[in-house]
Structures are given as C-alpha cells and as structure tokens.
Protein backbone atom coordinates (compact mmCIF):
# COMPACT_ATOMS: atom_id res chain seq x y z
CA MET A 1 -14.15 12.34 2.74
CA LEU A 2 -14.84 8.63 2.46
CA TYR A 3 -12.78 5.60 3.38
CA GLU A 4 -12.28 2.35 1.54
CA MET A 5 -11.53 -0.66 3.72
CA ARG A 6 -10.14 -3.64 1.82
CA THR A 7 -9.88 -6.97 3.66
CA TYR A 8 -7.99 -9.89 2.15
CA ARG A 9 -8.04 -13.39 3.59
CA LEU A 10 -4.74 -14.97 2.63
CA LYS A 11 -3.73 -18.58 2.26
CA THR A 12 -2.51 -20.08 5.54
CA GLY A 13 1.05 -19.00 6.17
CA ALA A 14 1.11 -16.44 3.35
CA VAL A 15 1.06 -13.27 5.47
CA PRO A 16 4.87 -12.83 5.69
CA ALA A 17 5.33 -13.27 1.93
CA TYR A 18 2.44 -10.90 1.17
CA VAL A 19 3.72 -8.21 3.54
CA LYS A 20 7.24 -8.51 2.10
CA LEU A 21 5.98 -8.14 -1.48
CA VAL A 22 3.85 -5.12 -0.62
CA ALA A 23 6.64 -3.47 1.38
CA GLU A 24 9.24 -3.99 -1.33
CA GLU A 25 7.17 -3.40 -4.47
CA GLY A 26 3.50 -2.69 -3.98
CA ILE A 27 2.97 0.07 -1.45
CA ALA A 28 4.97 2.67 -3.37
CA LEU A 29 2.90 1.97 -6.48
CA GLN A 30 -0.34 2.17 -4.53
CA LYS A 31 0.58 5.38 -2.76
CA SER A 32 1.64 7.03 -6.01
CA HIS A 33 -1.85 6.51 -7.46
CA LEU A 34 -4.24 6.07 -4.56
CA GLY A 35 -2.98 8.84 -2.33
CA GLN A 36 -3.82 8.85 1.35
CA LEU A 37 -3.15 5.57 3.13
CA VAL A 38 -4.93 5.60 6.50
CA GLY A 39 -3.51 2.27 7.68
CA TYR A 40 -2.28 -1.17 6.65
CA PHE A 41 -2.80 -4.00 9.13
CA THR A 42 -2.38 -7.73 9.72
CA SER A 43 -4.66 -9.70 12.03
CA GLU A 44 -3.24 -11.13 15.23
CA ILE A 45 -6.35 -12.68 16.77
CA SER A 46 -9.18 -14.39 14.90
CA PRO A 47 -9.76 -14.39 12.04
CA LEU A 48 -6.15 -15.09 11.18
CA ASN A 49 -4.32 -14.62 7.88
CA GLU A 50 -6.04 -11.33 7.12
CA ILE A 51 -4.71 -8.09 5.69
CA VAL A 52 -6.74 -4.91 6.08
CA HIS A 53 -5.85 -1.63 4.42
CA ILE A 54 -7.77 1.63 4.51
CA TRP A 55 -7.51 4.45 1.96
CA ALA A 56 -9.09 7.92 2.10
CA TYR A 57 -10.72 9.59 -0.91
CA ALA A 58 -12.48 12.89 -1.48
CA SER A 59 -15.41 11.15 -3.20
CA LEU A 60 -16.46 8.00 -5.07
CA ASP A 61 -15.42 9.73 -8.31
CA ASP A 62 -11.97 10.46 -6.84
CA ARG A 63 -11.66 6.80 -5.81
CA ALA A 64 -12.74 5.55 -9.24
CA ALA A 65 -10.26 7.81 -11.05
CA ARG A 66 -7.38 6.88 -8.76
CA ARG A 67 -8.08 3.14 -8.97
CA ALA A 68 -8.33 3.40 -12.77
CA ARG A 69 -4.89 5.03 -12.90
CA LEU A 70 -3.46 2.31 -10.66
CA ASN A 71 -5.00 -0.44 -12.77
CA ALA A 72 -3.53 1.11 -15.95
CA ASP A 73 0.03 1.25 -14.58
CA PRO A 74 2.18 -1.46 -16.23
CA ALA A 75 4.28 -1.83 -13.07
CA TRP A 76 1.11 -2.52 -11.03
CA LEU A 77 -0.12 -5.03 -13.62
CA THR A 78 3.21 -6.86 -13.32
CA PHE A 79 3.09 -6.79 -9.51
CA LEU A 80 -0.57 -7.76 -9.04
CA PRO A 81 -0.31 -11.49 -9.93
CA LYS A 82 2.36 -11.90 -7.24
CA ILE A 83 -0.06 -11.01 -4.45
CA GLN A 84 -3.16 -12.46 -6.11
CA ALA A 85 -1.56 -15.89 -5.85
CA LEU A 86 -1.57 -15.47 -2.05
CA ILE A 87 -5.16 -14.20 -1.65
CA GLU A 88 -8.12 -16.52 -1.02
CA THR A 89 -10.94 -13.97 -0.60
CA MET A 90 -11.35 -10.22 -0.88
CA GLU A 91 -13.89 -7.88 0.69
CA ASN A 92 -14.26 -4.19 0.01
CA LYS A 93 -16.29 -1.62 1.99
CA ILE A 94 -16.86 2.08 1.51
CA LEU A 95 -17.14 3.78 4.90
CA LEU A 96 -18.51 7.25 5.62
CA PRO A 97 -17.42 8.89 8.88
CA THR A 98 -20.04 10.09 11.32
CA ALA A 99 -20.16 13.76 12.34
CA PHE A 100 -18.35 12.93 15.60
CA SER A 101 -15.65 10.70 14.09
CA PRO A 102 -12.05 11.82 14.65
CA LEU A 103 -11.55 11.13 10.94
CA ASP A 104 -13.41 13.71 8.88
C-alpha cells in the first residue's frame, strides 16, 4: 500500500468556496475513480489556505490507472476548472508506510 498526499495552497479566502465545490460535485467523482480516501483536511494554523487530501493505492501502477480514468471522465473535466481557478500552488507526495505504521 502507498499513500498519495496532495497539498493545495489556495488563494486567500478561497477555502470555503473550494470545500463547497468539492463537497457538492468533486468528491463523489474522485471517490468513484480513485477509491480509498484516507482523509481530506483544511489547515487551521500556519500555513493557512491549504487543502490536504490523502488517497491510498495498492501500487504506483494502480494510482496511475485510477488517475487516468479520473482524468478521462467528462464530468471531472467539466468540474476541474472550477477548483483550478482557486488554487495557487500544488504539491504531490507519494508516501510509503513504515513497518510500524498503523496504516499498512
């Protein structure tokens, strides 16, 4: 199992609009293609205006296949520009759990 942590720095004040869009339109699309959502978070203390979401995958190949399916979905392609307009920077990390991690 591996984990993908995606961190988005949003424009100042854009967190409520972003969260509303994802809740109403985006998360169902993501879950239908990406599978296991580990968590979706907003930052409360520095740095501000950040969104972090973590997804679990069986392998890098599993991740690539799932993301390709998401990126081919016409509904996702219609939704994506709505949140992209709110994002200033994006960071993506692939995380591997240690042998003693509670997440396998």
